[in-house]
Protein backbone atom coordinates (compact mmCIF):
# COMPACT_ATOMS: atom_id res chain seq x y z
CA MET A 1 97.79 194.50 82.77
CA GLY A 2 95.76 197.54 81.76
CA ASP A 3 94.99 198.80 78.29
CA GLU A 4 97.75 201.38 78.49
CA GLN A 5 100.31 198.63 78.84
CA ALA A 6 99.89 197.54 75.22
CA VAL A 7 103.61 197.62 74.65
CA ARG A 8 104.80 194.01 74.55
CA ALA A 9 107.49 191.94 72.92
CA ALA A 10 105.14 189.89 70.73
CA GLY A 11 106.44 189.62 67.21
CA PRO A 12 107.24 187.25 64.34
CA GLY A 13 109.70 184.43 64.86
CA ALA A 14 113.07 184.47 63.12
CA ALA A 15 112.05 182.03 60.37
CA GLU A 16 108.85 183.94 59.58
CA GLN A 17 110.65 187.28 59.55
CA ALA A 18 113.38 185.87 57.31
CA ARG A 19 110.77 184.66 54.81
CA SER A 20 109.04 188.06 54.98
CA VAL A 21 112.30 189.85 54.18
CA LEU A 22 112.94 187.45 51.33
CA ALA A 23 109.42 187.91 49.93
CA THR A 24 109.39 191.72 50.01
CA ALA A 25 113.01 192.76 49.33
CA TRP A 26 113.38 194.45 45.95
CA SER A 27 117.11 193.95 45.45
CA CYS A 28 119.53 191.12 46.02
CA ARG A 29 123.31 191.31 46.41
CA VAL A 30 125.16 188.18 45.32
CA THR A 31 128.75 187.35 46.21
CA ALA A 32 130.15 184.36 44.32
CA ASP A 33 133.45 183.26 42.81
CA GLY A 34 135.21 186.29 44.28
CA GLY A 35 132.87 188.79 42.62
CA ARG A 36 129.80 190.73 43.70
CA GLU A 37 126.74 191.72 41.71
CA GLU A 38 123.53 193.52 42.60
CA TYR A 39 120.19 192.58 41.06
CA ALA A 40 116.98 194.60 41.32
CA GLY A 41 113.57 193.02 40.83
CA ALA A 42 115.20 189.84 39.59
CA HIS A 43 114.39 187.23 42.21
CA GLY A 44 111.45 185.09 43.21
CA VAL A 45 110.94 182.62 46.03
CA ALA A 46 109.78 179.00 45.91
CA ASP A 47 107.48 177.63 48.60
CA ASP A 48 110.40 175.92 50.32
CA GLY A 49 112.52 179.08 50.47
CA ARG A 50 114.75 178.46 47.47
CA VAL A 51 115.57 181.65 45.58
CA LEU A 52 114.90 181.84 41.84
CA LEU A 53 117.22 184.42 40.29
CA HIS A 54 116.90 185.76 36.74
CA VAL A 55 120.20 187.14 35.45
CA PRO A 56 121.35 188.54 32.07
CA GLU A 57 123.00 186.12 29.66
CA ASP A 58 126.28 188.06 29.93
CA SER A 59 126.24 188.02 33.75
CA ALA A 60 129.49 187.03 35.43
CA LEU A 61 127.41 185.02 37.89
CA LEU A 62 125.85 182.94 35.13
CA THR A 63 129.30 182.30 33.70
CA ALA A 64 130.53 181.18 37.14
CA VAL A 65 127.58 178.79 37.47
CA VAL A 66 128.15 177.25 34.05
CA CYS A 67 131.91 176.92 34.43
CA ALA A 68 132.15 175.82 38.05
CA PRO A 69 132.83 172.15 38.89
CA ARG A 70 129.52 170.29 39.12
CA GLY A 71 127.89 173.56 38.05
CA GLU A 72 127.26 174.48 41.66
CA PRO A 73 129.36 177.43 42.88
CA SER A 74 129.03 178.48 46.50
CA ALA A 75 127.56 181.93 47.01
CA VAL A 76 126.14 184.34 49.59
CA LEU A 77 122.94 186.29 48.97
CA GLU A 78 122.16 189.43 50.96
CA PHE A 79 118.75 191.07 51.29
CA ALA A 80 117.86 194.25 53.19
CA ASP A 81 114.56 194.97 54.92
CA VAL A 82 114.09 198.73 54.42
CA ALA A 83 111.39 200.73 56.18
CA PRO A 84 108.93 202.21 53.65
CA VAL A 85 108.50 205.36 55.78
CA ALA A 86 111.34 207.88 55.92
CA VAL A 87 113.01 207.44 59.32
CA ARG A 88 116.54 207.56 60.67
CA ASP A 89 118.37 204.28 59.99
CA ARG A 90 115.81 202.76 57.61
CA VAL A 91 117.32 199.26 57.40
CA ARG A 92 115.26 197.21 59.85
CA ALA A 93 116.97 193.88 59.24
CA ARG A 94 119.40 192.09 56.92
CA LEU A 95 119.16 188.54 55.68
CA TRP A 96 122.12 186.45 54.52
CA LEU A 97 121.73 183.14 52.71
CA ALA A 98 124.75 180.93 52.04
CA GLY A 99 124.38 178.04 49.66
CA TRP A 100 124.60 176.78 46.09
CA PHE A 101 123.38 177.85 42.65
CA VAL A 102 122.23 175.48 39.92
CA PRO A 103 120.93 176.52 36.47
CA SER A 104 117.33 175.55 35.73
CA ASP A 105 114.90 176.53 32.94
CA GLY A 106 116.53 179.83 32.02
CA HIS A 107 117.21 181.02 35.57
CA LEU A 108 119.36 180.16 38.56
CA VAL A 109 118.06 178.28 41.58
CA PHE A 110 119.72 178.96 44.90
CA GLN A 111 119.52 176.33 47.62
CA PRO A 112 120.29 177.80 51.07
CA THR A 113 122.53 175.81 53.38
CA ARG A 114 122.78 178.51 56.05
CA VAL A 115 120.37 181.34 56.91
CA VAL A 116 121.31 184.27 59.14
CA LEU A 117 118.92 187.05 60.12
CA CYS A 118 120.44 190.20 61.59
CA ARG A 119 118.02 192.32 63.64
CA PRO A 120 118.66 195.30 65.95
CA SER A 121 118.61 192.81 68.84
CA GLY A 122 121.40 190.78 67.21
CA ALA A 123 122.05 188.07 64.64
CA VAL A 124 120.37 184.68 64.74
CA VAL A 125 121.00 181.52 62.72
CA VAL A 126 117.66 180.29 61.39
CA ASP A 127 116.98 176.57 61.39
CA LEU A 128 116.84 175.37 57.77
CA ASP A 129 113.77 173.19 58.27
CA GLU A 130 111.92 176.03 60.00
CA PHE A 131 112.97 178.40 57.22
CA ALA A 132 111.69 176.03 54.53
CA ALA A 133 108.38 175.48 56.34
CA ALA A 134 107.75 179.12 57.31
CA ARG A 135 105.57 181.54 55.36
CA PRO A 136 105.87 185.32 55.11
CA ASP A 137 103.78 187.42 57.46
CA PRO A 138 100.29 187.75 55.91
CA LEU A 139 100.62 191.56 55.96
CA ALA A 140 104.11 191.68 54.45
CA GLY A 141 102.96 192.41 50.90
CA ALA A 142 100.70 195.26 52.00
CA GLU A 143 102.96 196.70 54.70
CA ALA A 144 104.58 199.44 52.60
CA HIS A 145 101.21 200.88 51.52
CA LEU A 146 99.73 200.55 54.99
CA LEU A 147 102.59 202.35 56.74
CA THR A 148 102.98 205.16 54.21
CA HIS A 149 99.22 205.77 54.30
CA LEU A 150 99.25 205.87 58.10
CA ALA A 151 102.22 208.25 58.17
CA ASP A 152 101.07 210.58 55.39
CA ALA A 153 97.28 210.61 55.75
CA HIS A 154 96.80 210.01 59.48
CA PRO A 155 99.60 211.66 61.47
CA GLU A 156 97.05 212.49 64.16
CA ALA A 157 96.42 208.77 64.64
CA VAL A 158 100.15 208.15 65.11
CA GLU A 159 100.30 210.90 67.72
CA ARG A 160 97.23 209.49 69.44
CA LEU A 161 98.91 206.09 69.66
CA THR A 162 101.77 207.62 71.65
CA ARG A 163 99.36 207.65 74.61
CA LEU A 164 99.98 203.91 74.81
CA VAL A 165 103.72 204.43 75.15
CA GLU A 166 105.37 204.70 78.55
CA PRO A 167 106.37 208.31 79.35
CA GLU A 168 110.07 207.50 79.71
CA SER A 169 110.15 206.11 76.17
CA LEU A 170 108.90 209.46 74.85
CA HIS A 171 111.39 211.60 76.78
CA ALA A 172 112.92 214.28 74.51
CA ALA A 173 111.12 212.83 71.46
CA THR A 174 111.14 215.07 68.39
CA ARG A 175 109.15 212.82 66.05
CA VAL A 176 107.26 209.53 66.11
CA ARG A 177 106.76 207.55 62.89
CA PRO A 178 105.28 204.12 62.09
CA LEU A 179 108.24 201.82 61.44
CA ALA A 180 106.74 198.36 60.90
CA VAL A 181 103.54 196.39 61.09
CA ASP A 182 102.99 192.64 61.15
CA ARG A 183 100.20 190.34 62.23
CA HIS A 184 101.25 190.69 65.87
CA GLY A 185 101.45 194.46 66.21
CA LEU A 186 102.62 197.91 65.16
CA THR A 187 106.13 199.26 65.79
CA LEU A 188 106.73 202.98 66.27
CA ARG A 189 110.10 204.67 65.76
CA ILE A 190 110.68 207.36 68.39
CA GLU A 191 113.28 209.82 67.17
CA ARG A 192 115.28 212.21 69.32
CA THR A 193 117.85 214.80 68.35
CA ARG A 194 120.78 212.38 68.33
CA ALA A 195 119.22 208.98 68.96
CA HIS A 196 116.13 206.87 68.40
CA GLY A 197 114.29 203.89 69.85
CA ASP A 198 111.50 201.53 68.83
CA VAL A 199 108.34 200.56 70.72
CA ARG A 200 105.88 197.82 69.78
CA LEU A 201 102.15 198.12 70.31
CA ALA A 202 100.81 194.56 70.34
CA PHE A 203 97.40 193.70 68.92
CA HIS A 204 94.98 191.90 71.23
CA GLU A 205 95.16 188.99 68.78
CA PRO A 206 97.04 188.42 65.51
CA ALA A 207 95.65 189.85 62.27
CA GLY A 208 95.37 187.39 59.40
CA ASP A 209 94.68 189.95 56.68
CA VAL A 210 94.25 193.68 56.02
CA THR A 211 90.59 193.63 57.08
CA GLN A 212 91.51 192.18 60.46
CA LEU A 213 94.38 194.67 60.71
CA THR A 214 91.90 197.54 60.36
CA GLU A 215 89.93 196.18 63.31
CA ARG A 216 93.11 195.70 65.38
CA MET A 217 94.16 199.29 64.68
CA HIS A 218 90.74 200.57 65.73
CA VAL A 219 91.14 198.71 69.02
CA LEU A 220 94.54 200.32 69.62
CA LEU A 221 93.15 203.78 68.84
CA THR A 222 90.21 203.17 71.17
CA ARG A 223 92.62 202.20 73.93
CA ALA A 224 94.66 205.31 73.23
CA GLY A 225 91.52 207.46 73.45
CA ALA A 226 90.62 205.85 76.75
CA ALA A 227 94.02 206.72 78.19
CA ALA A 228 92.68 210.09 79.34
CA SER A 229 94.62 209.88 82.56
CA ARG A 230 97.82 210.28 80.55
CA PRO A 231 96.96 212.49 77.54
CA ARG A 232 100.52 212.99 76.37
CA THR A 233 100.92 214.32 72.84
CA LEU A 234 104.21 214.66 71.06
CA GLN A 235 103.96 218.43 71.43
CA ARG A 236 103.46 218.14 75.19
CA GLN A 237 106.37 215.70 75.45
CA ARG A 238 108.69 218.04 73.58
CA ALA A 239 107.73 220.82 75.96
CA ASP A 240 108.46 218.55 78.93
CA GLY A 241 111.86 217.67 77.50
CA ASP A 242 112.72 221.31 76.83
CA GLY A 243 111.90 222.16 80.42
């Protein structure tokens, strides 16, 4: 395969992606005892994937935990993975955890008994042992800054990267934006007037940190620059589509 065929399916596994969503989501929706509450900036994550939730003393959830038999009410937690860059349909994935709450040291500890990750390709039940053993993608914590910087400060680099995308994927494109980045590659969102699609540009090898990501991005841009035989820019593609 040549350098222009950098579009591949490489990406994080379901357990790793689930832990990344859990580690970076800002809000958490909790459904328990027939009620639903939303908490912002109130949860943490233990190494084994248990969720540590800090709730107000007058929270209905805390009351349910204290009053429930055995002090362990069943509940469902929902987290959304939202793209940091403004694009159409910004929710990239949703994570549902079903399980039990127990009070501990001034907060609630949630033990998952079922983990479901819903991606554009469909929903998948994540193995509990794999979920507990997995770690978030090493770039997850920096992803929001990295993508917004790429979109806002280097739009010319994003357009240059479209040279690595197959022509049919760019047909009638009106805008291309960086949607996601992980250790395996960069995902671009290709928007059209009434639809959109995503394309992954895989790195030649995984990036373990931001420094390695910078090198991987330079390699992609070099490949894009070498694709002189197909110098398609977004402007050229729009003109082709209008014709």
